[in-house]
Amino acid sequence: MGVLENDSLWVNDTIPAETEMSEVACVFPAQRLAQIANDIVEGRIEGRIVGWYHSHPGHGLFLSQTDMETHMQFHQFSPYALSLVADPKSAEFGIWIYENGLGVVQLPSNLIHII
């Protein structure tokens, strides 16, 4: 959850997705996303959907084809939607955004500020 303010995207909360998982895949159910959007509309949750996050333990930082498709589902809520991938084994993370003409690209670390 977050807000766009002064040309910056502020992420200020997370909501667990209750994903459907296997040994090699994790799926964000469309009905969970619809439920979160409905909770915002009805005032049970404050803020806007600004993206999603997941991990690739021991596999590095990248977006799979499925991740890119999921990213574009979130892009419908905001042109500034982001995808965050963490690798807890290496203690690294990366953030991806959609840029017109380029597609989904990794955000340079100098544009990420953690407060």
PDB file of N, CA and C in Angstrom:
ATOM      1  N   MET A   1       0.849  -1.155   0.000  1.00  0.00           N
ATOM      2  CA  MET A   1       0.000   0.000   0.000  1.00  0.00           C
ATOM      3  C   MET A   1       0.896   1.219   0.000  1.00  0.00           C
ATOM      4  N   GLY A   2       0.425   2.280  -0.628  1.00  0.00           N
ATOM      5  CA  GLY A   2       1.229   3.481  -0.671  1.00  0.00           C
ATOM      6  C   GLY A   2       0.515   4.630  -1.321  1.00  0.00           C
ATOM      7  N   VAL A   3       1.324   5.635  -1.678  1.00  0.00           N
ATOM      8  CA  VAL A   3       0.785   6.860  -2.249  1.00  0.00           C
ATOM      9  C   VAL A   3       1.839   7.494  -3.152  1.00  0.00           C
ATOM     10  N   LEU A   4       1.384   8.155  -4.200  1.00  0.00           N
ATOM     11  CA  LEU A   4       2.268   8.931  -5.064  1.00  0.00           C
ATOM     12  C   LEU A   4       2.211  10.368  -4.568  1.00  0.00           C
ATOM     13  N   GLU A   5       3.379  10.914  -4.204  1.00  0.00           N
ATOM     14  CA  GLU A   5       3.428  12.249  -3.629  1.00  0.00           C
ATOM     15  C   GLU A   5       4.723  12.936  -4.042  1.00  0.00           C
ATOM     16  N   ASN A   6       4.619  14.142  -4.569  1.00  0.00           N
ATOM     17  CA  ASN A   6       5.794  14.927  -4.971  1.00  0.00           C
ATOM     18  C   ASN A   6       6.724  14.144  -5.892  1.00  0.00           C
ATOM     19  N   ASP A   7       6.171  13.519  -6.923  1.00  0.00           N
ATOM     20  CA  ASP A   7       6.935  12.739  -7.896  1.00  0.00           C
ATOM     21  C   ASP A   7       7.685  11.555  -7.290  1.00  0.00           C
ATOM     22  N   SER A   8       7.252  11.112  -6.107  1.00  0.00           N
ATOM     23  CA  SER A   8       7.857   9.950  -5.456  1.00  0.00           C
ATOM     24  C   SER A   8       6.764   8.966  -5.087  1.00  0.00           C
ATOM     25  N   LEU A   9       7.078   7.687  -5.175  1.00  0.00           N
ATOM     26  CA  LEU A   9       6.159   6.643  -4.752  1.00  0.00           C
ATOM     27  C   LEU A   9       6.576   6.201  -3.359  1.00  0.00           C
ATOM     28  N   TRP A  10       5.685   6.381  -2.395  1.00  0.00           N
ATOM     29  CA  TRP A  10       5.946   6.009  -1.013  1.00  0.00           C
ATOM     30  C   TRP A  10       5.206   4.714  -0.700  1.00  0.00           C
ATOM     31  N   VAL A  11       5.952   3.682  -0.336  1.00  0.00           N
ATOM     32  CA  VAL A  11       5.355   2.412   0.071  1.00  0.00           C
ATOM     33  C   VAL A  11       5.355   2.423   1.594  1.00  0.00           C
ATOM     34  N   ASN A  12       4.156   2.303   2.183  1.00  0.00           N
ATOM     35  CA  ASN A  12       4.084   2.421   3.636  1.00  0.00           C
ATOM     36  C   ASN A  12       3.424   1.236   4.338  1.00  0.00           C
ATOM     37  N   ASP A  13       3.027   0.223   3.606  1.00  0.00           N
ATOM     38  CA  ASP A  13       2.427  -0.944   4.238  1.00  0.00           C
ATOM     39  C   ASP A  13       2.415  -2.107   3.258  1.00  0.00           C
ATOM     40  N   THR A  14       2.322  -3.300   3.780  1.00  0.00           N
ATOM     41  CA  THR A  14       2.202  -4.496   2.940  1.00  0.00           C
ATOM     42  C   THR A  14       1.003  -5.308   3.405  1.00  0.00           C
ATOM     43  N   ILE A  15       0.419  -6.047   2.480  1.00  0.00           N
ATOM     44  CA  ILE A  15      -0.699  -6.933   2.784  1.00  0.00           C
ATOM     45  C   ILE A  15      -0.337  -8.309   2.238  1.00  0.00           C
ATOM     46  N   PRO A  16      -0.341  -9.338   3.083  1.00  0.00           N
ATOM     47  CA  PRO A  16      -0.026 -10.685   2.588  1.00  0.00           C
ATOM     48  C   PRO A  16      -1.018 -11.118   1.518  1.00  0.00           C
ATOM     49  N   ALA A  17      -0.519 -11.838   0.540  1.00  0.00           N
ATOM     50  CA  ALA A  17      -1.344 -12.224  -0.599  1.00  0.00           C
ATOM     51  C   ALA A  17      -2.057 -13.553  -0.426  1.00  0.00           C
ATOM     52  N   GLU A  18      -1.661 -14.367   0.542  1.00  0.00           N
ATOM     53  CA  GLU A  18      -2.232 -15.701   0.681  1.00  0.00           C
ATOM     54  C   GLU A  18      -2.094 -16.456  -0.638  1.00  0.00           C
ATOM     55  N   THR A  19      -0.857 -16.615  -1.071  1.00  0.00           N
ATOM     56  CA  THR A  19      -0.541 -17.184  -2.376  1.00  0.00           C
ATOM     57  C   THR A  19      -0.785 -18.678  -2.444  1.00  0.00           C
ATOM     58  N   GLU A  20      -0.878 -19.164  -3.680  1.00  0.00           N
ATOM     59  CA  GLU A  20      -0.962 -20.593  -3.965  1.00  0.00           C
ATOM     60  C   GLU A  20       0.437 -21.015  -4.389  1.00  0.00           C
ATOM     61  N   MET A  21       1.061 -21.936  -3.634  1.00  0.00           N
ATOM     62  CA  MET A  21       2.468 -22.253  -3.854  1.00  0.00           C
ATOM     63  C   MET A  21       2.710 -23.720  -4.166  1.00  0.00           C
ATOM     64  N   SER A  22       3.829 -23.936  -4.899  1.00  0.00           N
ATOM     65  CA  SER A  22       4.372 -25.275  -5.106  1.00  0.00           C
ATOM     66  C   SER A  22       5.871 -25.160  -4.863  1.00  0.00           C
ATOM     67  N   GLU A  23       6.615 -26.205  -5.153  1.00  0.00           N
ATOM     68  CA  GLU A  23       8.062 -26.155  -4.948  1.00  0.00           C
ATOM     69  C   GLU A  23       8.756 -25.170  -5.874  1.00  0.00           C
ATOM     70  N   VAL A  24       8.181 -24.900  -7.040  1.00  0.00           N
ATOM     71  CA  VAL A  24       8.853 -24.047  -8.017  1.00  0.00           C
ATOM     72  C   VAL A  24       8.046 -22.823  -8.444  1.00  0.00           C
ATOM     73  N   ALA A  25       6.856 -22.635  -7.889  1.00  0.00           N
ATOM     74  CA  ALA A  25       6.033 -21.512  -8.325  1.00  0.00           C
ATOM     75  C   ALA A  25       5.186 -20.974  -7.174  1.00  0.00           C
ATOM     76  N   CYS A  26       4.835 -19.723  -7.324  1.00  0.00           N
ATOM     77  CA  CYS A  26       3.986 -19.037  -6.365  1.00  0.00           C
ATOM     78  C   CYS A  26       3.029 -18.168  -7.167  1.00  0.00           C
ATOM     79  N   VAL A  27       1.730 -18.327  -6.970  1.00  0.00           N
ATOM     80  CA  VAL A  27       0.739 -17.602  -7.755  1.00  0.00           C
ATOM     81  C   VAL A  27      -0.053 -16.673  -6.850  1.00  0.00           C
ATOM     82  N   PHE A  28      -0.192 -15.433  -7.285  1.00  0.00           N
ATOM     83  CA  PHE A  28      -1.001 -14.441  -6.575  1.00  0.00           C
ATOM     84  C   PHE A  28      -2.423 -14.566  -7.104  1.00  0.00           C
ATOM     85  N   PRO A  29      -3.349 -15.114  -6.308  1.00  0.00           N
ATOM     86  CA  PRO A  29      -4.707 -15.339  -6.801  1.00  0.00           C
ATOM     87  C   PRO A  29      -5.428 -14.036  -7.166  1.00  0.00           C
ATOM     88  N   ALA A  30      -6.044 -13.997  -8.329  1.00  0.00           N
ATOM     89  CA  ALA A  30      -6.760 -12.809  -8.790  1.00  0.00           C
ATOM     90  C   ALA A  30      -7.864 -12.425  -7.813  1.00  0.00           C
ATOM     91  N   GLN A  31      -8.501 -13.408  -7.197  1.00  0.00           N
ATOM     92  CA  GLN A  31      -9.578 -13.088  -6.263  1.00  0.00           C
ATOM     93  C   GLN A  31      -9.066 -12.371  -5.025  1.00  0.00           C
ATOM     94  N   ARG A  32      -7.814 -12.636  -4.611  1.00  0.00           N
ATOM     95  CA  ARG A  32      -7.232 -11.924  -3.463  1.00  0.00           C
ATOM     96  C   ARG A  32      -6.985 -10.463  -3.835  1.00  0.00           C
ATOM     97  N   LEU A  33      -6.483 -10.225  -5.030  1.00  0.00           N
ATOM     98  CA  LEU A  33      -6.266  -8.864  -5.495  1.00  0.00           C
ATOM     99  C   LEU A  33      -7.596  -8.114  -5.569  1.00  0.00           C
ATOM    100  N   ALA A  34      -8.627  -8.765  -6.074  1.00  0.00           N
ATOM    101  CA  ALA A  34      -9.957  -8.145  -6.149  1.00  0.00           C
ATOM    102  C   ALA A  34     -10.485  -7.833  -4.750  1.00  0.00           C
ATOM    103  N   GLN A  35     -10.235  -8.723  -3.795  1.00  0.00           N
ATOM    104  CA  GLN A  35     -10.684  -8.499  -2.423  1.00  0.00           C
ATOM    105  C   GLN A  35      -9.991  -7.277  -1.823  1.00  0.00           C
ATOM    106  N   ILE A  36      -8.694  -7.150  -2.044  1.00  0.00           N
ATOM    107  CA  ILE A  36      -7.940  -6.002  -1.522  1.00  0.00           C
ATOM    108  C   ILE A  36      -8.460  -4.716  -2.156  1.00  0.00           C
ATOM    109  N   ALA A  37      -8.668  -4.719  -3.472  1.00  0.00           N
ATOM    110  CA  ALA A  37      -9.201  -3.534  -4.158  1.00  0.00           C
ATOM    111  C   ALA A  37     -10.572  -3.164  -3.599  1.00  0.00           C
ATOM    112  N   ASN A  38     -11.417  -4.149  -3.353  1.00  0.00           N
ATOM    113  CA  ASN A  38     -12.740  -3.899  -2.788  1.00  0.00           C
ATOM    114  C   ASN A  38     -12.636  -3.317  -1.378  1.00  0.00           C
ATOM    115  N   ASP A  39     -11.706  -3.831  -0.574  1.00  0.00           N
ATOM    116  CA  ASP A  39     -11.502  -3.313   0.783  1.00  0.00           C
ATOM    117  C   ASP A  39     -11.079  -1.845   0.747  1.00  0.00           C
ATOM    118  N   ILE A  40     -10.314  -1.449  -0.245  1.00  0.00           N
ATOM    119  CA  ILE A  40      -9.920  -0.041  -0.394  1.00  0.00           C
ATOM    120  C   ILE A  40     -11.147   0.796  -0.746  1.00  0.00           C
ATOM    121  N   VAL A  41     -11.913   0.358  -1.740  1.00  0.00           N
ATOM    122  CA  VAL A  41     -13.107   1.093  -2.178  1.00  0.00           C
ATOM    123  C   VAL A  41     -14.092   1.272  -1.027  1.00  0.00           C
ATOM    124  N   GLU A  42     -14.241   0.233  -0.202  1.00  0.00           N
ATOM    125  CA  GLU A  42     -15.206   0.292   0.892  1.00  0.00           C
ATOM    126  C   GLU A  42     -14.636   0.894   2.176  1.00  0.00           C
ATOM    127  N   GLY A  43     -13.363   1.364   2.133  1.00  0.00           N
ATOM    128  CA  GLY A  43     -12.773   2.072   3.259  1.00  0.00           C
ATOM    129  C   GLY A  43     -12.209   1.217   4.370  1.00  0.00           C
ATOM    130  N   ARG A  44     -12.110  -0.086   4.176  1.00  0.00           N
ATOM    131  CA  ARG A  44     -11.533  -0.950   5.206  1.00  0.00           C
ATOM    132  C   ARG A  44     -10.001  -0.884   5.212  1.00  0.00           C
ATOM    133  N   ILE A  45      -9.428  -0.487   4.078  1.00  0.00           N
ATOM    134  CA  ILE A  45      -7.982  -0.320   3.947  1.00  0.00           C
ATOM    135  C   ILE A  45      -7.739   1.070   3.369  1.00  0.00           C
ATOM    136  N   GLU A  46      -6.759   1.789   3.932  1.00  0.00           N
ATOM    137  CA  GLU A  46      -6.396   3.102   3.406  1.00  0.00           C
ATOM    138  C   GLU A  46      -5.206   2.974   2.473  1.00  0.00           C
ATOM    139  N   GLY A  47      -5.149   3.845   1.482  1.00  0.00           N
ATOM    140  CA  GLY A  47      -4.025   3.863   0.561  1.00  0.00           C
ATOM    141  C   GLY A  47      -4.404   3.336  -0.806  1.00  0.00           C
ATOM    142  N   ARG A  48      -3.385   3.087  -1.604  1.00  0.00           N
ATOM    143  CA  ARG A  48      -3.558   2.572  -2.960  1.00  0.00           C
ATOM    144  C   ARG A  48      -2.683   1.344  -3.154  1.00  0.00           C
ATOM    145  N   ILE A  49      -3.097   0.501  -4.063  1.00  0.00           N
ATOM    146  CA  ILE A  49      -2.258  -0.630  -4.450  1.00  0.00           C
ATOM    147  C   ILE A  49      -1.133  -0.067  -5.307  1.00  0.00           C
ATOM    148  N   VAL A  50       0.108  -0.281  -4.880  1.00  0.00           N
ATOM    149  CA  VAL A  50       1.249   0.267  -5.623  1.00  0.00           C
ATOM    150  C   VAL A  50       2.191  -0.816  -6.132  1.00  0.00           C
ATOM    151  N   GLY A  51       1.863  -2.079  -5.896  1.00  0.00           N
ATOM    152  CA  GLY A  51       2.714  -3.144  -6.406  1.00  0.00           C
ATOM    153  C   GLY A  51       2.605  -4.397  -5.574  1.00  0.00           C
ATOM    154  N   TRP A  52       3.615  -5.247  -5.741  1.00  0.00           N
ATOM    155  CA  TRP A  52       3.629  -6.535  -5.065  1.00  0.00           C
ATOM    156  C   TRP A  52       5.060  -6.942  -4.780  1.00  0.00           C
ATOM    157  N   TYR A  53       5.215  -7.943  -3.916  1.00  0.00           N
ATOM    158  CA  TYR A  53       6.553  -8.421  -3.556  1.00  0.00           C
ATOM    159  C   TYR A  53       6.539  -9.933  -3.417  1.00  0.00           C
ATOM    160  N   HIS A  54       7.700 -10.529  -3.612  1.00  0.00           N
ATOM    161  CA  HIS A  54       7.879 -11.955  -3.384  1.00  0.00           C
ATOM    162  C   HIS A  54       9.373 -12.248  -3.285  1.00  0.00           C
ATOM    163  N   SER A  55       9.710 -13.493  -2.995  1.00  0.00           N
ATOM    164  CA  SER A  55      11.131 -13.831  -2.818  1.00  0.00           C
ATOM    165  C   SER A  55      11.562 -14.925  -3.783  1.00  0.00           C
ATOM    166  N   HIS A  56      12.862 -14.932  -4.013  1.00  0.00           N
ATOM    167  CA  HIS A  56      13.533 -15.981  -4.789  1.00  0.00           C
ATOM    168  C   HIS A  56      14.691 -16.491  -3.925  1.00  0.00           C
ATOM    169  N   PRO A  57      14.417 -17.247  -2.861  1.00  0.00           N
ATOM    170  CA  PRO A  57      15.488 -17.673  -1.947  1.00  0.00           C
ATOM    171  C   PRO A  57      16.600 -18.455  -2.651  1.00  0.00           C
ATOM    172  N   GLY A  58      17.777 -17.864  -2.679  1.00  0.00           N
ATOM    173  CA  GLY A  58      18.934 -18.520  -3.263  1.00  0.00           C
ATOM    174  C   GLY A  58      18.985 -18.514  -4.778  1.00  0.00           C
ATOM    175  N   HIS A  59      18.066 -17.845  -5.433  1.00  0.00           N
ATOM    176  CA  HIS A  59      18.012 -17.846  -6.898  1.00  0.00           C
ATOM    177  C   HIS A  59      18.361 -16.501  -7.523  1.00  0.00           C
ATOM    178  N   GLY A  60      18.580 -15.476  -6.716  1.00  0.00           N
ATOM    179  CA  GLY A  60      18.966 -14.176  -7.252  1.00  0.00           C
ATOM    180  C   GLY A  60      17.784 -13.275  -7.548  1.00  0.00           C
ATOM    181  N   LEU A  61      18.123 -12.118  -8.092  1.00  0.00           N
ATOM    182  CA  LEU A  61      17.134 -11.074  -8.351  1.00  0.00           C
ATOM    183  C   LEU A  61      16.809 -11.010  -9.832  1.00  0.00           C
ATOM    184  N   PHE A  62      15.581 -11.336 -10.169  1.00  0.00           N
ATOM    185  CA  PHE A  62      15.112 -11.290 -11.550  1.00  0.00           C
ATOM    186  C   PHE A  62      13.601 -11.382 -11.531  1.00  0.00           C
ATOM    187  N   LEU A  63      12.978 -11.096 -12.653  1.00  0.00           N
ATOM    188  CA  LEU A  63      11.548 -11.316 -12.829  1.00  0.00           C
ATOM    189  C   LEU A  63      11.377 -12.395 -13.891  1.00  0.00           C
ATOM    190  N   SER A  64      10.679 -13.454 -13.541  1.00  0.00           N
ATOM    191  CA  SER A  64      10.362 -14.501 -14.514  1.00  0.00           C
ATOM    192  C   SER A  64       9.264 -13.980 -15.446  1.00  0.00           C
ATOM    193  N   GLN A  65       8.944 -14.742 -16.463  1.00  0.00           N
ATOM    194  CA  GLN A  65       7.851 -14.356 -17.357  1.00  0.00           C
ATOM    195  C   GLN A  65       6.538 -14.243 -16.581  1.00  0.00           C
ATOM    196  N   THR A  66       6.300 -15.171 -15.667  1.00  0.00           N
ATOM    197  CA  THR A  66       5.099 -15.116 -14.826  1.00  0.00           C
ATOM    198  C   THR A  66       5.119 -13.871 -13.949  1.00  0.00           C
ATOM    199  N   ASP A  67       6.300 -13.539 -13.403  1.00  0.00           N
ATOM    200  CA  ASP A  67       6.424 -12.317 -12.592  1.00  0.00           C
ATOM    201  C   ASP A  67       6.088 -11.082 -13.420  1.00  0.00           C
ATOM    202  N   MET A  68       6.549 -11.047 -14.666  1.00  0.00           N
ATOM    203  CA  MET A  68       6.260  -9.891 -15.532  1.00  0.00           C
ATOM    204  C   MET A  68       4.761  -9.773 -15.796  1.00  0.00           C
ATOM    205  N   GLU A  69       4.118 -10.909 -16.009  1.00  0.00           N
ATOM    206  CA  GLU A  69       2.666 -10.895 -16.227  1.00  0.00           C
ATOM    207  C   GLU A  69       1.940 -10.414 -14.970  1.00  0.00           C
ATOM    208  N   THR A  70       2.413 -10.854 -13.814  1.00  0.00           N
ATOM    209  CA  THR A  70       1.823 -10.405 -12.557  1.00  0.00           C
ATOM    210  C   THR A  70       2.043  -8.909 -12.384  1.00  0.00           C
ATOM    211  N   HIS A  71       3.246  -8.439 -12.728  1.00  0.00           N
ATOM    212  CA  HIS A  71       3.530  -7.010 -12.633  1.00  0.00           C
ATOM    213  C   HIS A  71       2.513  -6.207 -13.449  1.00  0.00           C
ATOM    214  N   MET A  72       2.221  -6.660 -14.636  1.00  0.00           N
ATOM    215  CA  MET A  72       1.296  -5.924 -15.496  1.00  0.00           C
ATOM    216  C   MET A  72      -0.136  -5.969 -14.953  1.00  0.00           C
ATOM    217  N   GLN A  73      -0.487  -6.989 -14.167  1.00  0.00           N
ATOM    218  CA  GLN A  73      -1.790  -6.983 -13.490  1.00  0.00           C
ATOM    219  C   GLN A  73      -1.858  -5.815 -12.512  1.00  0.00           C
ATOM    220  N   PHE A  74      -0.758  -5.561 -11.821  1.00  0.00           N
ATOM    221  CA  PHE A  74      -0.723  -4.460 -10.868  1.00  0.00           C
ATOM    222  C   PHE A  74      -0.637  -3.110 -11.572  1.00  0.00           C
ATOM    223  N   HIS A  75      -0.079  -3.096 -12.758  1.00  0.00           N
ATOM    224  CA  HIS A  75       0.047  -1.856 -13.536  1.00  0.00           C
ATOM    225  C   HIS A  75      -1.331  -1.263 -13.834  1.00  0.00           C
ATOM    226  N   GLN A  76      -2.377  -2.098 -13.856  1.00  0.00           N
ATOM    227  CA  GLN A  76      -3.725  -1.588 -14.099  1.00  0.00           C
ATOM    228  C   GLN A  76      -4.198  -0.668 -12.977  1.00  0.00           C
ATOM    229  N   PHE A  77      -3.641  -0.812 -11.781  1.00  0.00           N
ATOM    230  CA  PHE A  77      -4.025   0.026 -10.649  1.00  0.00           C
ATOM    231  C   PHE A  77      -3.270   1.337 -10.622  1.00  0.00           C
ATOM    232  N   SER A  78      -2.074   1.333 -11.179  1.00  0.00           N
ATOM    233  CA  SER A  78      -1.254   2.541 -11.194  1.00  0.00           C
ATOM    234  C   SER A  78      -0.143   2.386 -12.225  1.00  0.00           C
ATOM    235  N   PRO A  79       0.107   3.438 -13.014  1.00  0.00           N
ATOM    236  CA  PRO A  79       1.225   3.365 -13.955  1.00  0.00           C
ATOM    237  C   PRO A  79       2.577   3.360 -13.241  1.00  0.00           C
ATOM    238  N   TYR A  80       2.559   3.567 -11.929  1.00  0.00           N
ATOM    239  CA  TYR A  80       3.792   3.590 -11.143  1.00  0.00           C
ATOM    240  C   TYR A  80       3.965   2.324 -10.313  1.00  0.00           C
ATOM    241  N   ALA A  81       3.188   1.280 -10.629  1.00  0.00           N
ATOM    242  CA  ALA A  81       3.252   0.033  -9.861  1.00  0.00           C
ATOM    243  C   ALA A  81       4.669  -0.543  -9.885  1.00  0.00           C
ATOM    244  N   LEU A  82       5.039  -1.184  -8.793  1.00  0.00           N
ATOM    245  CA  LEU A  82       6.369  -1.784  -8.709  1.00  0.00           C
ATOM    246  C   LEU A  82       6.274  -3.245  -8.328  1.00  0.00           C
ATOM    247  N   SER A  83       7.342  -3.966  -8.652  1.00  0.00           N
ATOM    248  CA  SER A  83       7.517  -5.352  -8.234  1.00  0.00           C
ATOM    249  C   SER A  83       8.807  -5.409  -7.435  1.00  0.00           C
ATOM    250  N   LEU A  84       8.738  -5.947  -6.228  1.00  0.00           N
ATOM    251  CA  LEU A  84       9.917  -6.078  -5.390  1.00  0.00           C
ATOM    252  C   LEU A  84      10.233  -7.568  -5.257  1.00  0.00           C
ATOM    253  N   VAL A  85      11.482  -7.921  -5.524  1.00  0.00           N
ATOM    254  CA  VAL A  85      11.945  -9.298  -5.362  1.00  0.00           C
ATOM    255  C   VAL A  85      13.081  -9.287  -4.347  1.00  0.00           C
ATOM    256  N   ALA A  86      12.973 -10.156  -3.360  1.00  0.00           N
ATOM    257  CA  ALA A  86      14.022 -10.278  -2.350  1.00  0.00           C
ATOM    258  C   ALA A  86      14.626 -11.675  -2.432  1.00  0.00           C
ATOM    259  N   ASP A  87      15.935 -11.741  -2.198  1.00  0.00           N
ATOM    260  CA  ASP A  87      16.618 -13.022  -2.052  1.00  0.00           C
ATOM    261  C   ASP A  87      17.147 -13.056  -0.623  1.00  0.00           C
ATOM    262  N   PRO A  88      16.397 -13.688   0.297  1.00  0.00           N
ATOM    263  CA  PRO A  88      16.811 -13.678   1.697  1.00  0.00           C
ATOM    264  C   PRO A  88      18.138 -14.367   1.963  1.00  0.00           C
ATOM    265  N   LYS A  89      18.556 -15.259   1.094  1.00  0.00           N
ATOM    266  CA  LYS A  89      19.837 -15.945   1.302  1.00  0.00           C
ATOM    267  C   LYS A  89      21.020 -15.024   1.039  1.00  0.00           C
ATOM    268  N   SER A  90      20.866 -14.081   0.099  1.00  0.00           N
ATOM    269  CA  SER A  90      21.947 -13.136  -0.185  1.00  0.00           C
ATOM    270  C   SER A  90      21.694 -11.770   0.446  1.00  0.00           C
ATOM    271  N   ALA A  91      20.537 -11.606   1.100  1.00  0.00           N
ATOM    272  CA  ALA A  91      20.146 -10.342   1.739  1.00  0.00           C
ATOM    273  C   ALA A  91      20.098  -9.196   0.727  1.00  0.00           C
ATOM    274  N   GLU A  92      19.630  -9.489  -0.486  1.00  0.00           N
ATOM    275  CA  GLU A  92      19.518  -8.470  -1.527  1.00  0.00           C
ATOM    276  C   GLU A  92      18.057  -8.339  -1.957  1.00  0.00           C
ATOM    277  N   PHE A  93      17.753  -7.196  -2.559  1.00  0.00           N
ATOM    278  CA  PHE A  93      16.436  -7.029  -3.153  1.00  0.00           C
ATOM    279  C   PHE A  93      16.559  -6.135  -4.377  1.00  0.00           C
ATOM    280  N   GLY A  94      15.574  -6.217  -5.244  1.00  0.00           N
ATOM    281  CA  GLY A  94      15.509  -5.373  -6.423  1.00  0.00           C
ATOM    282  C   GLY A  94      14.075  -4.927  -6.647  1.00  0.00           C
ATOM    283  N   ILE A  95      13.921  -3.793  -7.312  1.00  0.00           N
ATOM    284  CA  ILE A  95      12.597  -3.246  -7.613  1.00  0.00           C
ATOM    285  C   ILE A  95      12.500  -3.021  -9.110  1.00  0.00           C
ATOM    286  N   TRP A  96      11.380  -3.447  -9.697  1.00  0.00           N
ATOM    287  CA  TRP A  96      11.129  -3.290 -11.123  1.00  0.00           C
ATOM    288  C   TRP A  96       9.916  -2.397 -11.337  1.00  0.00           C
ATOM    289  N   ILE A  97       9.953  -1.601 -12.401  1.00  0.00           N
ATOM    290  CA  ILE A  97       8.855  -0.722 -12.783  1.00  0.00           C
ATOM    291  C   ILE A  97       8.626  -0.856 -14.288  1.00  0.00           C
ATOM    292  N   TYR A  98       7.506  -0.342 -14.752  1.00  0.00           N
ATOM    293  CA  TYR A  98       7.223  -0.320 -16.186  1.00  0.00           C
ATOM    294  C   TYR A  98       7.585   1.060 -16.722  1.00  0.00           C
ATOM    295  N   GLU A  99       8.393   1.096 -17.791  1.00  0.00           N
ATOM    296  CA  GLU A  99       8.737   2.350 -18.456  1.00  0.00           C
ATOM    297  C   GLU A  99       8.235   2.294 -19.886  1.00  0.00           C
ATOM    298  N   ASN A 100       7.481   3.325 -20.273  1.00  0.00           N
ATOM    299  CA  ASN A 100       6.975   3.387 -21.649  1.00  0.00           C
ATOM    300  C   ASN A 100       8.117   3.239 -22.644  1.00  0.00           C
ATOM    301  N   GLY A 101       7.910   2.406 -23.627  1.00  0.00           N
ATOM    302  CA  GLY A 101       8.901   2.184 -24.666  1.00  0.00           C
ATOM    303  C   GLY A 101       9.966   1.162 -24.312  1.00  0.00           C
ATOM    304  N   LEU A 102      10.121   0.855 -23.026  1.00  0.00           N
ATOM    305  CA  LEU A 102      11.146  -0.103 -22.594  1.00  0.00           C
ATOM    306  C   LEU A 102      10.554  -1.375 -22.005  1.00  0.00           C
ATOM    307  N   GLY A 103       9.371  -1.283 -21.425  1.00  0.00           N
ATOM    308  CA  GLY A 103       8.776  -2.426 -20.742  1.00  0.00           C
ATOM    309  C   GLY A 103       9.145  -2.425 -19.270  1.00  0.00           C
ATOM    310  N   VAL A 104       9.198  -3.599 -18.671  1.00  0.00           N
ATOM    311  CA  VAL A 104       9.503  -3.738 -17.250  1.00  0.00           C
ATOM    312  C   VAL A 104      11.019  -3.734 -17.083  1.00  0.00           C
ATOM    313  N   VAL A 105      11.521  -2.776 -16.293  1.00  0.00           N
ATOM    314  CA  VAL A 105      12.967  -2.615 -16.088  1.00  0.00           C
ATOM    315  C   VAL A 105      13.269  -2.504 -14.596  1.00  0.00           C
ATOM    316  N   GLN A 106      14.482  -2.900 -14.227  1.00  0.00           N
ATOM    317  CA  GLN A 106      14.896  -2.788 -12.831  1.00  0.00           C
ATOM    318  C   GLN A 106      15.228  -1.335 -12.509  1.00  0.00           C
ATOM    319  N   LEU A 107      14.732  -0.862 -11.380  1.00  0.00           N
ATOM    320  CA  LEU A 107      14.976   0.494 -10.922  1.00  0.00           C
ATOM    321  C   LEU A 107      16.397   0.590 -10.372  1.00  0.00           C
ATOM    322  N   PRO A 108      17.172   1.588 -10.799  1.00  0.00           N
ATOM    323  CA  PRO A 108      18.532   1.730 -10.272  1.00  0.00           C
ATOM    324  C   PRO A 108      18.510   1.986  -8.764  1.00  0.00           C
ATOM    325  N   SER A 109      19.453   1.414  -8.050  1.00  0.00           N
ATOM    326  CA  SER A 109      19.479   1.502  -6.587  1.00  0.00           C
ATOM    327  C   SER A 109      19.590   2.936  -6.087  1.00  0.00           C
ATOM    328  N   ASN A 110      20.171   3.849  -6.871  1.00  0.00           N
ATOM    329  CA  ASN A 110      20.291   5.226  -6.393  1.00  0.00           C
ATOM    330  C   ASN A 110      18.939   5.956  -6.359  1.00  0.00           C
ATOM    331  N   LEU A 111      17.889   5.350  -6.926  1.00  0.00           N
ATOM    332  CA  LEU A 111      16.554   5.944  -6.877  1.00  0.00           C
ATOM    333  C   LEU A 111      15.685   5.338  -5.768  1.00  0.00           C
ATOM    334  N   ILE A 112      16.250   4.399  -5.003  1.00  0.00           N
ATOM    335  CA  ILE A 112      15.511   3.743  -3.927  1.00  0.00           C
ATOM    336  C   ILE A 112      16.017   4.297  -2.601  1.00  0.00           C
ATOM    337  N   HIS A 113      15.084   4.780  -1.799  1.00  0.00           N
ATOM    338  CA  HIS A 113      15.440   5.330  -0.475  1.00  0.00           C
ATOM    339  C   HIS A 113      14.605   4.635   0.586  1.00  0.00           C
ATOM    340  N   ILE A 114      15.265   4.081   1.580  1.00  0.00           N
ATOM    341  CA  ILE A 114      14.589   3.391   2.672  1.00  0.00           C
ATOM    342  C   ILE A 114      14.653   4.288   3.899  1.00  0.00           C
ATOM    343  N   ILE A 115      13.477   4.593   4.408  1.00  0.00           N
ATOM    344  CA  ILE A 115      13.392   5.507   5.557  1.00  0.00           C
ATOM    345  C   ILE A 115      12.856   4.758   6.752  1.00  0.00           C
TER     346      ILE A 115
END
